[in-house]
Amino acid sequence: MIGAATSLNVGASHAVGEGHYMEDNSIQGAFMFLDSNGVNKLPNYLKNYVDVMFKYKGFNFLAEYVNTAAYNLQVTPLYADGSLLEPKEISEYLILGNAFNVQGGFLFKGDWSLDAKYGRSYYEFDNPNSLLRNYDSMGGGITKYFSNKAVKTQLMATYINFPDYSTQNQINIECLLQIKF
């Protein structure tokens, strides 16, 4: 299976491109910029996604990619106090960059599955205050299915490495119980 999607928010005023919050900056992640005449001057926010999934005789593979970008910055917007917004500073307000994830696994005859995954995210602008942080993640897991795959238990461990912010590195261990009705 192959899937693709895109979305464009004209005049985005939120970190992930949702909404047009105008004057309500009390919403977490919301912001407002103005042009030299005091009129709202918000960037356009574009997201592109591509997914590929393949399954064959117990083997499964998934690859996902996303790109986000800001447009309509030809006339440099101003902060509410009248100071200029430098073009790369937009990454301090919108999550801009690229990310991908690949994962694969194999389902054995006894309804046990071994899985592995790797992901990476990298920002568009080399800006230490960018909302999107560069990181690599890798993980592995084991899954057991019951009742004709209607019940699933899974144990997954993931290590997330932030090369520029090593104090934020983390290991996540998740235990999942899923029941299908």
N, C-alpha and C. Protein backbone atom coordinates (compact mmCIF):
# COMPACT_ATOMS: atom_id res chain seq x y z
N MET A 1 0.84 -1.17 0.00
CA MET A 1 0.00 0.00 0.00
C MET A 1 0.89 1.23 0.00
N ILE A 2 0.46 2.22 -0.72
CA ILE A 2 1.15 3.50 -0.75
C ILE A 2 0.12 4.58 -0.48
N GLY A 3 0.45 5.50 0.38
CA GLY A 3 -0.46 6.60 0.69
C GLY A 3 0.28 7.92 0.69
N ALA A 4 -0.43 8.97 0.39
CA ALA A 4 0.15 10.31 0.42
C ALA A 4 -0.94 11.28 0.83
N ALA A 5 -0.52 12.34 1.48
CA ALA A 5 -1.47 13.37 1.89
C ALA A 5 -0.73 14.69 1.97
N THR A 6 -1.47 15.76 1.85
CA THR A 6 -0.91 17.08 2.00
C THR A 6 -1.94 17.98 2.64
N SER A 7 -1.47 18.98 3.35
CA SER A 7 -2.39 19.97 3.90
C SER A 7 -1.70 21.33 3.85
N LEU A 8 -2.50 22.35 3.61
CA LEU A 8 -2.00 23.72 3.56
C LEU A 8 -2.91 24.58 4.40
N ASN A 9 -2.34 25.25 5.37
CA ASN A 9 -3.09 26.19 6.20
C ASN A 9 -2.61 27.58 5.81
N VAL A 10 -3.49 28.35 5.20
CA VAL A 10 -3.16 29.71 4.78
C VAL A 10 -3.37 30.63 5.98
N GLY A 11 -2.29 31.19 6.47
CA GLY A 11 -2.37 32.07 7.63
C GLY A 11 -2.35 31.32 8.94
N ALA A 12 -1.40 30.40 9.11
CA ALA A 12 -1.31 29.60 10.33
C ALA A 12 -0.82 30.46 11.50
N SER A 13 -1.42 30.23 12.66
CA SER A 13 -1.02 30.96 13.86
C SER A 13 -0.83 30.02 15.05
N HIS A 14 -0.42 28.77 14.75
CA HIS A 14 -0.20 27.78 15.80
C HIS A 14 0.99 26.91 15.40
N ALA A 15 1.72 26.40 16.37
CA ALA A 15 2.97 25.67 16.15
C ALA A 15 2.85 24.49 15.19
N VAL A 16 1.72 23.80 15.16
CA VAL A 16 1.55 22.67 14.25
C VAL A 16 0.61 23.00 13.10
N GLY A 17 0.41 24.31 12.86
CA GLY A 17 -0.35 24.74 11.69
C GLY A 17 -1.85 24.67 11.83
N GLU A 18 -2.35 24.49 13.02
CA GLU A 18 -3.79 24.40 13.21
C GLU A 18 -4.35 25.77 13.57
N GLY A 19 -5.51 26.06 13.08
CA GLY A 19 -6.26 27.23 13.52
C GLY A 19 -5.75 28.56 13.00
N HIS A 20 -6.58 29.54 13.20
CA HIS A 20 -6.31 30.94 12.90
C HIS A 20 -6.75 31.69 14.15
N TYR A 21 -5.87 31.80 15.12
CA TYR A 21 -6.25 32.25 16.44
C TYR A 21 -6.36 33.76 16.58
N MET A 22 -5.98 34.48 15.53
CA MET A 22 -6.04 35.95 15.50
C MET A 22 -5.47 36.55 16.78
N GLU A 23 -6.28 37.14 17.60
CA GLU A 23 -5.76 37.86 18.77
C GLU A 23 -5.66 37.00 20.02
N ASP A 24 -6.07 35.73 19.97
CA ASP A 24 -6.06 34.89 21.16
C ASP A 24 -4.73 34.16 21.30
N ASN A 25 -3.74 34.83 21.87
CA ASN A 25 -2.42 34.23 22.08
C ASN A 25 -2.34 33.45 23.38
N SER A 26 -3.47 33.31 24.10
CA SER A 26 -3.47 32.55 25.34
C SER A 26 -3.44 31.05 25.07
N ILE A 27 -3.73 30.64 23.83
CA ILE A 27 -3.71 29.23 23.47
C ILE A 27 -2.26 28.80 23.33
N GLN A 28 -1.86 27.71 24.00
CA GLN A 28 -0.48 27.26 23.97
C GLN A 28 -0.06 26.96 22.53
N GLY A 29 1.06 27.53 22.10
CA GLY A 29 1.57 27.33 20.75
C GLY A 29 1.06 28.35 19.75
N ALA A 30 0.13 29.24 20.18
CA ALA A 30 -0.41 30.26 19.27
C ALA A 30 0.51 31.47 19.23
N PHE A 31 0.52 32.17 18.10
CA PHE A 31 1.34 33.37 17.94
C PHE A 31 0.65 34.30 16.95
N MET A 32 1.14 35.54 16.87
CA MET A 32 0.60 36.53 15.95
C MET A 32 1.73 37.41 15.45
N PHE A 33 1.73 37.67 14.13
CA PHE A 33 2.68 38.60 13.52
C PHE A 33 1.90 39.64 12.73
N LEU A 34 2.52 40.79 12.53
CA LEU A 34 1.88 41.90 11.84
C LEU A 34 2.79 42.40 10.72
N ASP A 35 2.20 43.06 9.70
CA ASP A 35 3.04 43.72 8.70
C ASP A 35 3.30 45.15 9.17
N SER A 36 3.98 45.95 8.36
CA SER A 36 4.35 47.31 8.78
C SER A 36 3.15 48.22 8.97
N ASN A 37 1.97 47.81 8.47
CA ASN A 37 0.74 48.58 8.66
C ASN A 37 -0.08 48.10 9.84
N GLY A 38 0.43 47.12 10.58
CA GLY A 38 -0.30 46.60 11.73
C GLY A 38 -1.34 45.56 11.39
N VAL A 39 -1.34 45.06 10.13
CA VAL A 39 -2.30 44.04 9.68
C VAL A 39 -1.69 42.66 9.94
N ASN A 40 -2.53 41.69 10.32
CA ASN A 40 -2.05 40.33 10.56
C ASN A 40 -1.25 39.84 9.36
N LYS A 41 -0.08 39.31 9.61
CA LYS A 41 0.80 38.78 8.57
C LYS A 41 1.26 37.41 9.03
N LEU A 42 0.49 36.39 8.69
CA LEU A 42 0.78 35.03 9.15
C LEU A 42 1.32 34.17 8.01
N PRO A 43 2.23 33.25 8.32
CA PRO A 43 2.78 32.38 7.29
C PRO A 43 1.80 31.30 6.87
N ASN A 44 1.99 30.79 5.67
CA ASN A 44 1.26 29.60 5.22
C ASN A 44 2.07 28.39 5.66
N TYR A 45 1.37 27.34 6.08
CA TYR A 45 2.02 26.15 6.64
C TYR A 45 1.63 24.94 5.81
N LEU A 46 2.63 24.29 5.22
CA LEU A 46 2.40 23.15 4.33
C LEU A 46 2.97 21.88 4.96
N LYS A 47 2.16 20.81 4.96
CA LYS A 47 2.62 19.50 5.43
C LYS A 47 2.42 18.50 4.30
N ASN A 48 3.44 17.69 4.04
CA ASN A 48 3.36 16.62 3.04
C ASN A 48 3.72 15.30 3.71
N TYR A 49 2.94 14.27 3.44
CA TYR A 49 3.15 12.94 4.03
C TYR A 49 3.20 11.89 2.92
N VAL A 50 4.05 10.88 3.12
CA VAL A 50 4.08 9.71 2.24
C VAL A 50 4.27 8.49 3.13
N ASP A 51 3.48 7.46 2.91
CA ASP A 51 3.56 6.20 3.66
C ASP A 51 3.62 5.03 2.69
N VAL A 52 4.42 4.04 3.03
CA VAL A 52 4.50 2.80 2.25
C VAL A 52 4.43 1.65 3.24
N MET A 53 3.54 0.67 2.96
CA MET A 53 3.43 -0.50 3.82
C MET A 53 3.44 -1.75 2.95
N PHE A 54 4.14 -2.77 3.44
CA PHE A 54 4.26 -4.02 2.71
C PHE A 54 4.15 -5.17 3.69
N LYS A 55 3.32 -6.17 3.35
CA LYS A 55 3.20 -7.38 4.18
C LYS A 55 3.27 -8.59 3.26
N TYR A 56 4.02 -9.61 3.72
CA TYR A 56 4.13 -10.83 2.94
C TYR A 56 4.57 -11.98 3.83
N LYS A 57 3.72 -13.00 3.94
CA LYS A 57 4.03 -14.24 4.66
C LYS A 57 4.68 -14.01 6.02
N GLY A 58 4.06 -13.18 6.82
CA GLY A 58 4.55 -12.93 8.18
C GLY A 58 5.46 -11.73 8.30
N PHE A 59 6.05 -11.30 7.20
CA PHE A 59 6.94 -10.14 7.23
C PHE A 59 6.12 -8.88 7.02
N ASN A 60 6.46 -7.81 7.77
CA ASN A 60 5.79 -6.52 7.55
C ASN A 60 6.83 -5.41 7.56
N PHE A 61 6.57 -4.39 6.75
CA PHE A 61 7.47 -3.25 6.63
C PHE A 61 6.62 -2.00 6.46
N LEU A 62 7.00 -0.93 7.18
CA LEU A 62 6.31 0.35 7.08
C LEU A 62 7.35 1.45 7.01
N ALA A 63 7.18 2.38 6.08
CA ALA A 63 8.04 3.56 5.98
C ALA A 63 7.13 4.78 5.91
N GLU A 64 7.46 5.79 6.70
CA GLU A 64 6.67 7.02 6.74
C GLU A 64 7.62 8.21 6.61
N TYR A 65 7.17 9.24 5.91
CA TYR A 65 7.97 10.46 5.74
C TYR A 65 7.03 11.66 5.82
N VAL A 66 7.49 12.71 6.49
CA VAL A 66 6.71 13.95 6.56
C VAL A 66 7.66 15.13 6.40
N ASN A 67 7.19 16.14 5.67
CA ASN A 67 7.93 17.38 5.49
C ASN A 67 6.99 18.52 5.83
N THR A 68 7.48 19.50 6.59
CA THR A 68 6.68 20.69 6.89
C THR A 68 7.48 21.92 6.51
N ALA A 69 6.80 22.91 5.97
CA ALA A 69 7.47 24.13 5.52
C ALA A 69 6.55 25.33 5.70
N ALA A 70 7.15 26.50 5.82
CA ALA A 70 6.40 27.75 5.93
C ALA A 70 6.62 28.57 4.66
N TYR A 71 5.54 29.18 4.18
CA TYR A 71 5.60 30.01 2.98
C TYR A 71 4.96 31.36 3.27
N ASN A 72 5.05 32.24 2.31
CA ASN A 72 4.47 33.58 2.41
C ASN A 72 5.24 34.43 3.42
N LEU A 73 6.57 34.29 3.38
CA LEU A 73 7.42 35.07 4.26
C LEU A 73 8.21 36.12 3.46
N GLN A 74 7.75 36.43 2.22
CA GLN A 74 8.48 37.36 1.37
C GLN A 74 8.61 38.73 2.03
N VAL A 75 7.56 39.21 2.64
CA VAL A 75 7.61 40.46 3.39
C VAL A 75 7.80 40.06 4.84
N THR A 76 8.95 40.40 5.39
CA THR A 76 9.26 39.97 6.75
C THR A 76 8.23 40.50 7.73
N PRO A 77 7.55 39.61 8.44
CA PRO A 77 6.56 40.06 9.43
C PRO A 77 7.22 40.69 10.64
N LEU A 78 6.42 41.35 11.40
CA LEU A 78 6.89 42.02 12.61
C LEU A 78 6.27 41.37 13.84
N TYR A 79 7.02 41.41 14.94
CA TYR A 79 6.44 41.04 16.22
C TYR A 79 5.47 42.15 16.63
N ALA A 80 4.64 41.86 17.60
CA ALA A 80 3.67 42.86 18.06
C ALA A 80 4.35 44.14 18.56
N ASP A 81 5.61 44.03 19.04
CA ASP A 81 6.32 45.23 19.52
C ASP A 81 6.98 46.02 18.39
N GLY A 82 6.84 45.57 17.12
CA GLY A 82 7.38 46.30 15.98
C GLY A 82 8.75 45.85 15.53
N SER A 83 9.40 44.91 16.24
CA SER A 83 10.71 44.42 15.80
C SER A 83 10.54 43.39 14.68
N LEU A 84 11.58 43.28 13.84
CA LEU A 84 11.51 42.39 12.68
C LEU A 84 11.69 40.92 13.07
N LEU A 85 10.97 40.07 12.35
CA LEU A 85 11.15 38.62 12.48
C LEU A 85 12.09 38.18 11.37
N GLU A 86 13.24 37.66 11.73
CA GLU A 86 14.16 37.13 10.74
C GLU A 86 13.56 35.85 10.16
N PRO A 87 13.75 35.58 8.83
CA PRO A 87 13.10 34.41 8.22
C PRO A 87 13.33 33.08 8.95
N LYS A 88 14.57 32.80 9.41
CA LYS A 88 14.78 31.50 10.08
C LYS A 88 14.17 31.46 11.47
N GLU A 89 13.80 32.61 12.03
CA GLU A 89 13.17 32.62 13.34
C GLU A 89 11.76 32.03 13.30
N ILE A 90 11.18 31.87 12.11
CA ILE A 90 9.84 31.27 12.01
C ILE A 90 9.85 29.86 12.59
N SER A 91 11.04 29.20 12.59
CA SER A 91 11.13 27.84 13.16
C SER A 91 10.99 27.84 14.68
N GLU A 92 10.97 29.02 15.29
CA GLU A 92 10.72 29.11 16.73
C GLU A 92 9.22 29.14 17.02
N TYR A 93 8.40 29.24 15.97
CA TYR A 93 6.96 29.33 16.13
C TYR A 93 6.21 28.19 15.43
N LEU A 94 6.77 27.68 14.33
CA LEU A 94 6.18 26.56 13.60
C LEU A 94 7.14 25.38 13.62
N ILE A 95 6.61 24.19 13.69
CA ILE A 95 7.44 22.99 13.63
C ILE A 95 7.76 22.75 12.16
N LEU A 96 9.02 23.04 11.80
CA LEU A 96 9.45 22.98 10.40
C LEU A 96 10.59 22.00 10.23
N GLY A 97 10.50 21.15 9.23
CA GLY A 97 11.58 20.21 8.95
C GLY A 97 11.08 18.93 8.35
N ASN A 98 11.83 17.88 8.55
CA ASN A 98 11.56 16.57 7.97
C ASN A 98 11.65 15.50 9.05
N ALA A 99 10.92 14.44 8.85
CA ALA A 99 11.00 13.29 9.75
C ALA A 99 10.66 12.04 8.96
N PHE A 100 11.28 10.93 9.35
CA PHE A 100 10.91 9.65 8.74
C PHE A 100 10.97 8.57 9.81
N ASN A 101 10.27 7.51 9.53
CA ASN A 101 10.20 6.36 10.41
C ASN A 101 10.16 5.12 9.53
N VAL A 102 10.97 4.13 9.85
CA VAL A 102 10.89 2.84 9.18
C VAL A 102 10.78 1.78 10.27
N GLN A 103 9.95 0.81 10.02
CA GLN A 103 9.81 -0.29 10.97
C GLN A 103 9.49 -1.57 10.24
N GLY A 104 9.91 -2.64 10.83
CA GLY A 104 9.67 -3.94 10.23
C GLY A 104 9.52 -4.98 11.31
N GLY A 105 8.97 -6.09 10.92
CA GLY A 105 8.78 -7.16 11.88
C GLY A 105 8.46 -8.46 11.19
N PHE A 106 8.42 -9.51 11.99
CA PHE A 106 8.07 -10.82 11.47
C PHE A 106 7.16 -11.51 12.47
N LEU A 107 6.04 -12.03 11.98
CA LEU A 107 5.07 -12.77 12.79
C LEU A 107 5.33 -14.26 12.60
N PHE A 108 5.71 -14.91 13.69
CA PHE A 108 6.00 -16.34 13.65
C PHE A 108 4.71 -17.14 13.79
N LYS A 109 4.77 -18.44 13.49
CA LYS A 109 3.59 -19.30 13.48
C LYS A 109 2.90 -19.40 14.84
N GLY A 110 3.62 -19.23 15.93
CA GLY A 110 3.02 -19.32 17.26
C GLY A 110 2.38 -18.01 17.71
N ASP A 111 2.11 -17.10 16.76
CA ASP A 111 1.52 -15.79 17.03
C ASP A 111 2.40 -14.90 17.91
N TRP A 112 3.72 -15.09 17.79
CA TRP A 112 4.71 -14.20 18.39
C TRP A 112 5.28 -13.33 17.28
N SER A 113 5.55 -12.09 17.59
CA SER A 113 6.11 -11.18 16.59
C SER A 113 7.30 -10.44 17.18
N LEU A 114 8.35 -10.30 16.39
CA LEU A 114 9.50 -9.48 16.75
C LEU A 114 9.49 -8.26 15.82
N ASP A 115 9.71 -7.09 16.40
CA ASP A 115 9.61 -5.85 15.64
C ASP A 115 10.80 -4.95 15.93
N ALA A 116 11.20 -4.15 14.94
CA ALA A 116 12.26 -3.17 15.11
C ALA A 116 11.85 -1.89 14.38
N LYS A 117 12.34 -0.75 14.89
CA LYS A 117 12.00 0.51 14.24
C LYS A 117 13.15 1.50 14.38
N TYR A 118 13.20 2.43 13.42
CA TYR A 118 14.19 3.50 13.45
C TYR A 118 13.52 4.76 12.91
N GLY A 119 13.76 5.87 13.54
CA GLY A 119 13.19 7.14 13.09
C GLY A 119 14.18 8.26 13.24
N ARG A 120 13.95 9.30 12.47
CA ARG A 120 14.84 10.46 12.54
C ARG A 120 14.03 11.71 12.23
N SER A 121 14.38 12.78 12.91
CA SER A 121 13.75 14.08 12.69
C SER A 121 14.86 15.12 12.59
N TYR A 122 14.71 16.05 11.66
CA TYR A 122 15.72 17.10 11.55
C TYR A 122 15.05 18.40 11.11
N TYR A 123 15.49 19.48 11.72
CA TYR A 123 14.86 20.77 11.49
C TYR A 123 15.27 21.39 10.16
N GLU A 124 14.44 22.33 9.67
CA GLU A 124 14.70 22.99 8.40
C GLU A 124 15.79 24.04 8.52
N PHE A 125 15.77 24.81 9.61
CA PHE A 125 16.74 25.88 9.81
C PHE A 125 17.66 25.54 10.97
N ASP A 126 18.93 25.84 10.80
CA ASP A 126 19.89 25.63 11.89
C ASP A 126 19.71 26.76 12.90
N ASN A 127 18.75 26.57 13.77
CA ASN A 127 18.38 27.57 14.76
C ASN A 127 18.28 26.86 16.11
N PRO A 128 19.12 27.23 17.07
CA PRO A 128 19.10 26.52 18.36
C PRO A 128 17.76 26.61 19.10
N ASN A 129 16.91 27.57 18.72
CA ASN A 129 15.61 27.71 19.37
C ASN A 129 14.48 27.10 18.55
N SER A 130 14.81 26.36 17.52
CA SER A 130 13.79 25.72 16.68
C SER A 130 12.90 24.81 17.53
N LEU A 131 11.59 24.81 17.26
CA LEU A 131 10.68 23.93 17.99
C LEU A 131 10.97 22.46 17.70
N LEU A 132 11.31 22.15 16.45
CA LEU A 132 11.63 20.78 16.09
C LEU A 132 13.10 20.53 16.42
N ARG A 133 13.36 19.50 17.17
CA ARG A 133 14.72 19.13 17.55
C ARG A 133 15.19 17.99 16.66
N ASN A 134 16.46 18.02 16.31
CA ASN A 134 17.05 16.87 15.63
C ASN A 134 17.10 15.71 16.60
N TYR A 135 16.65 14.54 16.15
CA TYR A 135 16.77 13.35 17.00
C TYR A 135 16.78 12.10 16.15
N ASP A 136 17.33 11.05 16.73
CA ASP A 136 17.27 9.70 16.17
C ASP A 136 16.58 8.85 17.21
N SER A 137 15.78 7.90 16.74
CA SER A 137 15.16 6.97 17.69
C SER A 137 15.27 5.56 17.12
N MET A 138 15.50 4.63 18.00
CA MET A 138 15.54 3.23 17.60
C MET A 138 14.89 2.40 18.68
N GLY A 139 14.24 1.33 18.23
CA GLY A 139 13.53 0.53 19.21
C GLY A 139 13.30 -0.88 18.73
N GLY A 140 12.87 -1.68 19.65
CA GLY A 140 12.55 -3.06 19.35
C GLY A 140 11.46 -3.53 20.29
N GLY A 141 10.77 -4.57 19.84
CA GLY A 141 9.68 -5.06 20.67
C GLY A 141 9.33 -6.50 20.38
N ILE A 142 8.53 -7.03 21.27
CA ILE A 142 8.01 -8.38 21.12
C ILE A 142 6.51 -8.33 21.38
N THR A 143 5.78 -9.08 20.55
CA THR A 143 4.32 -9.06 20.63
C THR A 143 3.80 -10.49 20.66
N LYS A 144 2.76 -10.72 21.43
CA LYS A 144 2.07 -12.00 21.46
C LYS A 144 0.60 -11.76 21.21
N TYR A 145 0.04 -12.52 20.26
CA TYR A 145 -1.39 -12.43 19.92
C TYR A 145 -2.13 -13.63 20.51
N PHE A 146 -3.38 -13.39 20.91
CA PHE A 146 -4.25 -14.43 21.46
C PHE A 146 -5.60 -14.37 20.78
N SER A 147 -6.39 -15.40 20.96
CA SER A 147 -7.79 -15.46 20.49
C SER A 147 -7.94 -15.02 19.04
N ASN A 148 -7.20 -15.71 18.17
CA ASN A 148 -7.27 -15.42 16.73
C ASN A 148 -6.95 -13.95 16.43
N LYS A 149 -5.95 -13.43 17.11
CA LYS A 149 -5.43 -12.07 16.97
C LYS A 149 -6.40 -10.99 17.45
N ALA A 150 -7.38 -11.35 18.25
CA ALA A 150 -8.31 -10.36 18.82
C ALA A 150 -7.72 -9.70 20.06
N VAL A 151 -6.73 -10.34 20.69
CA VAL A 151 -6.08 -9.78 21.86
C VAL A 151 -4.58 -9.72 21.56
N LYS A 152 -4.00 -8.58 21.88
CA LYS A 152 -2.58 -8.37 21.59
C LYS A 152 -1.90 -7.82 22.84
N THR A 153 -0.76 -8.39 23.19
CA THR A 153 0.08 -7.84 24.25
C THR A 153 1.43 -7.51 23.61
N GLN A 154 1.98 -6.39 23.99
CA GLN A 154 3.23 -5.96 23.37
C GLN A 154 4.13 -5.27 24.39
N LEU A 155 5.41 -5.54 24.30
CA LEU A 155 6.42 -4.86 25.09
C LEU A 155 7.39 -4.22 24.10
N MET A 156 7.54 -2.89 24.17
CA MET A 156 8.36 -2.15 23.22
C MET A 156 9.29 -1.21 23.98
N ALA A 157 10.56 -1.20 23.60
CA ALA A 157 11.54 -0.28 24.18
C ALA A 157 12.08 0.61 23.07
N THR A 158 12.19 1.89 23.35
CA THR A 158 12.68 2.86 22.36
C THR A 158 13.70 3.78 23.02
N TYR A 159 14.81 3.99 22.32
CA TYR A 159 15.82 4.94 22.78
C TYR A 159 15.75 6.15 21.86
N ILE A 160 15.65 7.35 22.44
CA ILE A 160 15.59 8.59 21.67
C ILE A 160 16.85 9.39 21.99
N ASN A 161 17.61 9.70 20.94
CA ASN A 161 18.88 10.41 21.07
C ASN A 161 18.75 11.80 20.45
N PHE A 162 18.98 12.83 21.26
CA PHE A 162 19.01 14.21 20.79
C PHE A 162 20.47 14.63 20.72
N PRO A 163 21.11 14.60 19.55
CA PRO A 163 22.55 14.87 19.48
C PRO A 163 22.95 16.26 19.99
N ASP A 164 22.09 17.25 19.82
CA ASP A 164 22.41 18.60 20.27
C ASP A 164 21.99 18.88 21.70
N TYR A 165 21.19 17.99 22.29
CA TYR A 165 20.65 18.18 23.65
C TYR A 165 20.70 16.85 24.39
N SER A 166 21.90 16.37 24.68
CA SER A 166 22.03 15.02 25.25
C SER A 166 21.34 14.87 26.60
N THR A 167 21.07 15.96 27.30
CA THR A 167 20.36 15.85 28.57
C THR A 167 18.90 15.44 28.36
N GLN A 168 18.40 15.55 27.14
CA GLN A 168 17.02 15.16 26.84
C GLN A 168 16.91 13.73 26.33
N ASN A 169 18.04 13.04 26.15
CA ASN A 169 17.99 11.64 25.71
C ASN A 169 17.13 10.83 26.66
N GLN A 170 16.41 9.85 26.11
CA GLN A 170 15.51 9.08 26.96
C GLN A 170 15.30 7.67 26.44
N ILE A 171 14.93 6.81 27.34
CA ILE A 171 14.52 5.45 27.00
C ILE A 171 13.06 5.32 27.42
N ASN A 172 12.22 4.90 26.49
CA ASN A 172 10.80 4.68 26.78
C ASN A 172 10.53 3.18 26.70
N ILE A 173 9.85 2.67 27.70
CA ILE A 173 9.42 1.27 27.69
C ILE A 173 7.90 1.28 27.82
N GLU A 174 7.26 0.63 26.86
CA GLU A 174 5.80 0.62 26.81
C GLU A 174 5.29 -0.81 26.86
N CYS A 175 4.24 -1.00 27.60
CA CYS A 175 3.55 -2.27 27.65
C CYS A 175 2.12 -2.03 27.19
N LEU A 176 1.67 -2.78 26.22
CA LEU A 176 0.38 -2.54 25.59
C LEU A 176 -0.50 -3.78 25.68
N LEU A 177 -1.75 -3.55 25.98
CA LEU A 177 -2.77 -4.60 25.90
C LEU A 177 -3.87 -4.05 24.99
N GLN A 178 -4.13 -4.76 23.89
CA GLN A 178 -5.14 -4.31 22.93
C GLN A 178 -6.17 -5.42 22.74
N ILE A 179 -7.44 -5.04 22.81
CA ILE A 179 -8.54 -5.98 22.63
C ILE A 179 -9.42 -5.47 21.49
N LYS A 180 -9.65 -6.29 20.50
CA LYS A 180 -10.51 -5.93 19.37
C LYS A 180 -11.90 -6.52 19.59
N PHE A 181 -12.91 -5.72 19.38
CA PHE A 181 -14.30 -6.20 19.52
C PHE A 181 -14.93 -6.34 18.16
